[in-house]
Amino acid sequence: MKNASWPIVLITLGSLWFLKSTALLPDTSTVLALLLATAGVGLFLLDGLNKGSLVSAPLLIYAGAAVFLNDRYGLRFSHVFSLGMVLAGILMLIAQSTRIPSRGRRRRLAPPHDSQ
C-alpha cells in the first residue's frame, strides 16, 4: 500500500459523521472527558511512576473528570479550576520526594556477564 493516510482519514471522518447523524456518538464533552482520562491512565502505563507522570497523569484524569462534571452537573469552572490547583500543588509536593524516581531514570536489569 503506497499511502493509506487519505483513505484512513475518509473512513474515520465518514464513520464519525455516520455515528453523529444517527445519535450513536456521545456528546463532544463526554468524548473529550474520556480521552483526557484515558490519556492519563495511558501515561501511567507507558511511562511508569516517576516525578513527571506523578503530576501529569492524575491531572489529565482530573481534567477529564472536571469536563464531565462541568457538562453533566454544571459544576462551575471556578470550583473545578481551584480544586485542580490544589491537586496540582499536592502532587508537586509529593513528586519532590527522593523516593520517586526522576523521569529518565528507570531501574534496569544488570547486563548479562560474559563467561569467558
N, C-alpha and C. Protein backbone atom coordinates (compact mmCIF):
# COMPACT_ATOMS: atom_id res chain seq x y z
N MET A 1 0.85 -1.16 0.00
CA MET A 1 0.00 0.00 0.00
C MET A 1 0.90 1.23 0.00
N LYS A 2 0.73 2.09 -1.00
CA LYS A 2 1.61 3.24 -1.14
C LYS A 2 1.39 4.28 -0.05
N ASN A 3 0.17 4.80 0.04
CA ASN A 3 -0.13 5.82 1.05
C ASN A 3 -1.56 5.61 1.52
N ALA A 4 -1.68 5.13 2.73
CA ALA A 4 -3.00 4.80 3.26
C ALA A 4 -3.60 5.92 4.09
N SER A 5 -2.92 7.05 4.19
CA SER A 5 -3.41 8.09 5.09
C SER A 5 -4.72 8.72 4.60
N TRP A 6 -4.86 9.00 3.31
CA TRP A 6 -6.09 9.62 2.81
C TRP A 6 -7.30 8.68 2.97
N PRO A 7 -7.21 7.41 2.60
CA PRO A 7 -8.34 6.52 2.84
C PRO A 7 -8.69 6.37 4.31
N ILE A 8 -7.68 6.35 5.19
CA ILE A 8 -7.95 6.23 6.62
C ILE A 8 -8.66 7.47 7.13
N VAL A 9 -8.26 8.65 6.66
CA VAL A 9 -8.94 9.89 7.05
C VAL A 9 -10.40 9.86 6.59
N LEU A 10 -10.64 9.43 5.35
CA LEU A 10 -12.01 9.35 4.83
C LEU A 10 -12.86 8.36 5.63
N ILE A 11 -12.30 7.21 5.94
CA ILE A 11 -13.03 6.21 6.71
C ILE A 11 -13.35 6.75 8.11
N THR A 12 -12.38 7.38 8.74
CA THR A 12 -12.59 7.92 10.08
C THR A 12 -13.65 9.01 10.08
N LEU A 13 -13.51 9.99 9.18
CA LEU A 13 -14.48 11.09 9.12
C LEU A 13 -15.88 10.59 8.75
N GLY A 14 -15.95 9.67 7.80
CA GLY A 14 -17.25 9.11 7.42
C GLY A 14 -17.90 8.34 8.56
N SER A 15 -17.10 7.59 9.29
CA SER A 15 -17.64 6.85 10.43
C SER A 15 -18.13 7.78 11.53
N LEU A 16 -17.33 8.81 11.83
CA LEU A 16 -17.75 9.78 12.84
C LEU A 16 -19.02 10.52 12.42
N TRP A 17 -19.09 10.90 11.14
CA TRP A 17 -20.28 11.59 10.64
C TRP A 17 -21.51 10.70 10.75
N PHE A 18 -21.35 9.41 10.38
CA PHE A 18 -22.46 8.46 10.47
C PHE A 18 -22.91 8.30 11.92
N LEU A 19 -21.96 8.10 12.84
CA LEU A 19 -22.31 7.92 14.25
C LEU A 19 -22.98 9.17 14.83
N LYS A 20 -22.51 10.35 14.42
CA LYS A 20 -23.11 11.59 14.91
C LYS A 20 -24.52 11.78 14.34
N SER A 21 -24.70 11.48 13.07
CA SER A 21 -26.02 11.68 12.45
C SER A 21 -27.05 10.67 12.93
N THR A 22 -26.62 9.52 13.41
CA THR A 22 -27.55 8.53 13.94
C THR A 22 -27.68 8.61 15.46
N ALA A 23 -27.05 9.62 16.06
CA ALA A 23 -27.09 9.86 17.51
C ALA A 23 -26.48 8.71 18.31
N LEU A 24 -25.57 7.96 17.70
CA LEU A 24 -24.88 6.89 18.42
C LEU A 24 -23.60 7.39 19.09
N LEU A 25 -23.09 8.53 18.64
CA LEU A 25 -21.87 9.09 19.20
C LEU A 25 -22.23 9.95 20.40
N PRO A 26 -21.54 9.78 21.51
CA PRO A 26 -21.84 10.62 22.67
C PRO A 26 -21.50 12.09 22.40
N ASP A 27 -21.93 12.96 23.30
CA ASP A 27 -21.63 14.38 23.17
C ASP A 27 -20.12 14.60 23.12
N THR A 28 -19.74 15.72 22.52
CA THR A 28 -18.32 16.05 22.38
C THR A 28 -17.64 16.16 23.73
N SER A 29 -18.30 16.74 24.71
CA SER A 29 -17.67 16.89 26.02
C SER A 29 -17.46 15.53 26.69
N THR A 30 -18.35 14.60 26.47
CA THR A 30 -18.18 13.25 27.03
C THR A 30 -16.98 12.56 26.39
N VAL A 31 -16.87 12.70 25.07
CA VAL A 31 -15.73 12.11 24.37
C VAL A 31 -14.43 12.74 24.83
N LEU A 32 -14.42 14.07 25.00
CA LEU A 32 -13.23 14.77 25.48
C LEU A 32 -12.86 14.31 26.89
N ALA A 33 -13.84 14.16 27.75
CA ALA A 33 -13.58 13.70 29.11
C ALA A 33 -12.97 12.30 29.10
N LEU A 34 -13.51 11.42 28.27
CA LEU A 34 -12.97 10.06 28.18
C LEU A 34 -11.55 10.06 27.62
N LEU A 35 -11.29 10.90 26.61
CA LEU A 35 -9.95 10.96 26.03
C LEU A 35 -8.92 11.48 27.04
N LEU A 36 -9.28 12.51 27.79
CA LEU A 36 -8.36 13.03 28.79
C LEU A 36 -8.06 12.01 29.88
N ALA A 37 -9.09 11.36 30.38
CA ALA A 37 -8.89 10.34 31.42
C ALA A 37 -8.09 9.15 30.89
N THR A 38 -8.37 8.75 29.66
CA THR A 38 -7.63 7.65 29.05
C THR A 38 -6.18 8.02 28.83
N ALA A 39 -5.91 9.26 28.45
CA ALA A 39 -4.54 9.72 28.27
C ALA A 39 -3.78 9.68 29.60
N GLY A 40 -4.45 10.04 30.69
CA GLY A 40 -3.80 9.99 32.00
C GLY A 40 -3.46 8.57 32.41
N VAL A 41 -4.40 7.67 32.22
CA VAL A 41 -4.15 6.26 32.56
C VAL A 41 -3.06 5.69 31.65
N GLY A 42 -3.13 6.03 30.37
CA GLY A 42 -2.12 5.56 29.42
C GLY A 42 -0.73 6.07 29.76
N LEU A 43 -0.65 7.30 30.22
CA LEU A 43 0.65 7.86 30.60
C LEU A 43 1.24 7.09 31.77
N PHE A 44 0.42 6.75 32.75
CA PHE A 44 0.92 5.93 33.86
C PHE A 44 1.40 4.57 33.36
N LEU A 45 0.64 3.97 32.47
CA LEU A 45 1.00 2.64 31.99
C LEU A 45 2.26 2.66 31.14
N LEU A 46 2.42 3.68 30.30
CA LEU A 46 3.56 3.73 29.39
C LEU A 46 4.82 4.26 30.06
N ASP A 47 4.67 5.27 30.91
CA ASP A 47 5.84 5.93 31.49
C ASP A 47 6.19 5.40 32.87
N GLY A 48 5.28 4.71 33.51
CA GLY A 48 5.54 4.23 34.86
C GLY A 48 5.44 5.35 35.86
N LEU A 49 5.78 5.05 37.09
CA LEU A 49 5.71 6.05 38.15
C LEU A 49 7.04 6.78 38.22
N ASN A 50 7.02 8.07 37.92
CA ASN A 50 8.19 8.92 38.06
C ASN A 50 7.71 10.33 38.40
N LYS A 51 8.65 11.24 38.59
CA LYS A 51 8.31 12.59 39.02
C LYS A 51 7.38 13.29 38.03
N GLY A 52 7.56 13.07 36.76
CA GLY A 52 6.72 13.71 35.75
C GLY A 52 5.33 13.11 35.66
N SER A 53 5.27 11.80 35.61
CA SER A 53 3.97 11.14 35.46
C SER A 53 3.13 11.22 36.74
N LEU A 54 3.79 11.37 37.88
CA LEU A 54 3.06 11.50 39.13
C LEU A 54 2.23 12.78 39.16
N VAL A 55 2.68 13.80 38.45
CA VAL A 55 1.95 15.06 38.39
C VAL A 55 1.00 15.08 37.19
N SER A 56 1.53 14.77 36.01
CA SER A 56 0.74 14.96 34.79
C SER A 56 -0.39 13.95 34.61
N ALA A 57 -0.17 12.68 34.94
CA ALA A 57 -1.22 11.68 34.72
C ALA A 57 -2.45 11.93 35.58
N PRO A 58 -2.32 12.14 36.89
CA PRO A 58 -3.52 12.43 37.67
C PRO A 58 -4.21 13.73 37.26
N LEU A 59 -3.42 14.72 36.81
CA LEU A 59 -4.03 15.97 36.35
C LEU A 59 -4.83 15.76 35.07
N LEU A 60 -4.36 14.89 34.18
CA LEU A 60 -5.14 14.57 32.98
C LEU A 60 -6.44 13.86 33.36
N ILE A 61 -6.34 12.94 34.29
CA ILE A 61 -7.54 12.23 34.74
C ILE A 61 -8.50 13.21 35.41
N TYR A 62 -7.95 14.12 36.23
CA TYR A 62 -8.78 15.13 36.87
C TYR A 62 -9.43 16.05 35.84
N ALA A 63 -8.68 16.43 34.81
CA ALA A 63 -9.25 17.29 33.77
C ALA A 63 -10.42 16.60 33.07
N GLY A 64 -10.29 15.31 32.81
CA GLY A 64 -11.40 14.56 32.24
C GLY A 64 -12.60 14.53 33.15
N ALA A 65 -12.36 14.31 34.43
CA ALA A 65 -13.47 14.31 35.39
C ALA A 65 -14.09 15.70 35.50
N ALA A 66 -13.25 16.74 35.43
CA ALA A 66 -13.76 18.10 35.53
C ALA A 66 -14.63 18.46 34.34
N VAL A 67 -14.21 18.07 33.15
CA VAL A 67 -15.03 18.33 31.95
C VAL A 67 -16.36 17.61 32.07
N PHE A 68 -16.32 16.37 32.52
CA PHE A 68 -17.56 15.60 32.68
C PHE A 68 -18.47 16.23 33.72
N LEU A 69 -17.93 16.60 34.88
CA LEU A 69 -18.75 17.19 35.94
C LEU A 69 -19.30 18.56 35.53
N ASN A 70 -18.51 19.32 34.79
CA ASN A 70 -18.98 20.61 34.32
C ASN A 70 -20.12 20.44 33.33
N ASP A 71 -19.98 19.49 32.44
CA ASP A 71 -21.02 19.28 31.43
C ASP A 71 -22.26 18.62 32.01
N ARG A 72 -22.08 17.59 32.82
CA ARG A 72 -23.20 16.80 33.31
C ARG A 72 -23.94 17.48 34.46
N TYR A 73 -23.19 18.02 35.40
CA TYR A 73 -23.80 18.54 36.62
C TYR A 73 -23.68 20.06 36.77
N GLY A 74 -23.07 20.72 35.79
CA GLY A 74 -22.98 22.17 35.82
C GLY A 74 -22.05 22.72 36.89
N LEU A 75 -21.06 21.94 37.29
CA LEU A 75 -20.11 22.42 38.27
C LEU A 75 -19.37 23.62 37.70
N ARG A 76 -19.28 24.69 38.47
CA ARG A 76 -18.71 25.93 37.97
C ARG A 76 -17.22 25.79 37.69
N PHE A 77 -16.77 26.54 36.67
CA PHE A 77 -15.38 26.50 36.27
C PHE A 77 -14.46 26.94 37.40
N SER A 78 -14.87 27.94 38.16
CA SER A 78 -14.01 28.43 39.25
C SER A 78 -13.80 27.35 40.32
N HIS A 79 -14.82 26.55 40.58
CA HIS A 79 -14.67 25.46 41.54
C HIS A 79 -13.72 24.39 41.01
N VAL A 80 -13.93 24.01 39.77
CA VAL A 80 -13.11 22.96 39.16
C VAL A 80 -11.65 23.41 39.07
N PHE A 81 -11.42 24.65 38.65
CA PHE A 81 -10.06 25.14 38.48
C PHE A 81 -9.34 25.26 39.82
N SER A 82 -10.04 25.77 40.84
CA SER A 82 -9.39 25.92 42.14
C SER A 82 -9.05 24.57 42.76
N LEU A 83 -9.93 23.59 42.62
CA LEU A 83 -9.61 22.24 43.12
C LEU A 83 -8.45 21.62 42.33
N GLY A 84 -8.40 21.91 41.05
CA GLY A 84 -7.29 21.43 40.23
C GLY A 84 -5.96 22.03 40.66
N MET A 85 -5.98 23.30 41.04
CA MET A 85 -4.76 23.94 41.53
C MET A 85 -4.28 23.29 42.83
N VAL A 86 -5.20 22.99 43.72
CA VAL A 86 -4.84 22.33 44.97
C VAL A 86 -4.27 20.94 44.68
N LEU A 87 -4.92 20.20 43.80
CA LEU A 87 -4.43 18.87 43.43
C LEU A 87 -3.04 18.95 42.80
N ALA A 88 -2.82 19.90 41.91
CA ALA A 88 -1.51 20.06 41.27
C ALA A 88 -0.44 20.37 42.31
N GLY A 89 -0.75 21.25 43.26
CA GLY A 89 0.22 21.57 44.30
C GLY A 89 0.57 20.38 45.17
N ILE A 90 -0.44 19.61 45.55
CA ILE A 90 -0.19 18.42 46.36
C ILE A 90 0.67 17.42 45.61
N LEU A 91 0.34 17.20 44.34
CA LEU A 91 1.12 16.25 43.54
C LEU A 91 2.56 16.72 43.33
N MET A 92 2.74 18.03 43.16
CA MET A 92 4.11 18.56 43.01
C MET A 92 4.92 18.39 44.29
N LEU A 93 4.26 18.56 45.43
CA LEU A 93 4.97 18.34 46.70
C LEU A 93 5.36 16.87 46.86
N ILE A 94 4.46 15.98 46.51
CA ILE A 94 4.77 14.54 46.62
C ILE A 94 5.89 14.17 45.66
N ALA A 95 5.90 14.78 44.47
CA ALA A 95 6.93 14.46 43.47
C ALA A 95 8.32 14.91 43.91
N GLN A 96 8.41 15.81 44.88
CA GLN A 96 9.71 16.27 45.39
C GLN A 96 10.41 15.19 46.22
N SER A 97 9.67 14.16 46.60
CA SER A 97 10.24 13.11 47.44
C SER A 97 11.39 12.41 46.73
N THR A 98 12.39 12.03 47.51
CA THR A 98 13.52 11.30 46.93
C THR A 98 13.15 9.86 46.61
N ARG A 99 12.04 9.39 47.12
CA ARG A 99 11.60 8.02 46.83
C ARG A 99 11.02 7.89 45.42
N ILE A 100 10.60 9.00 44.83
CA ILE A 100 10.03 8.98 43.49
C ILE A 100 11.17 9.15 42.49
N PRO A 101 11.35 8.22 41.55
CA PRO A 101 12.46 8.33 40.59
C PRO A 101 12.24 9.47 39.60
N SER A 102 13.33 9.99 39.07
CA SER A 102 13.25 11.02 38.04
C SER A 102 12.74 10.40 36.76
N ARG A 103 12.37 11.25 35.82
CA ARG A 103 11.75 10.78 34.59
C ARG A 103 12.68 9.89 33.78
N GLY A 104 13.93 10.24 33.66
CA GLY A 104 14.84 9.49 32.80
C GLY A 104 15.40 8.24 33.42
N ARG A 105 15.35 8.15 34.73
CA ARG A 105 15.97 7.01 35.40
C ARG A 105 14.95 5.91 35.63
N ARG A 106 15.16 4.81 34.97
CA ARG A 106 14.35 3.62 35.21
C ARG A 106 15.26 2.53 35.72
N ARG A 107 14.71 1.70 36.52
CA ARG A 107 15.51 0.58 37.00
C ARG A 107 15.72 -0.40 35.87
N ARG A 108 16.97 -0.69 35.61
CA ARG A 108 17.29 -1.61 34.54
C ARG A 108 17.95 -2.85 35.14
N LEU A 109 17.74 -3.93 34.45
CA LEU A 109 18.41 -5.16 34.86
C LEU A 109 19.88 -5.05 34.51
N ALA A 110 20.70 -5.65 35.30
CA ALA A 110 22.14 -5.64 35.03
C ALA A 110 22.39 -6.39 33.74
N PRO A 111 23.33 -5.89 32.92
CA PRO A 111 23.62 -6.60 31.67
C PRO A 111 24.22 -7.97 31.97
N PRO A 112 23.95 -8.93 31.13
CA PRO A 112 24.49 -10.28 31.36
C PRO A 112 26.01 -10.26 31.28
N HIS A 113 26.64 -11.00 32.15
CA HIS A 113 28.11 -11.07 32.18
C HIS A 113 28.55 -12.17 31.24
N ASP A 114 29.62 -11.87 30.50
CA ASP A 114 30.19 -12.89 29.63
C ASP A 114 30.99 -13.86 30.47
N SER A 115 30.83 -15.11 30.20
CA SER A 115 31.56 -16.14 30.96
C SER A 115 32.76 -16.62 30.18
N GLN A 116 33.62 -15.68 29.78
CA GLN A 116 34.81 -16.06 29.01
C GLN A 116 35.99 -16.21 29.88
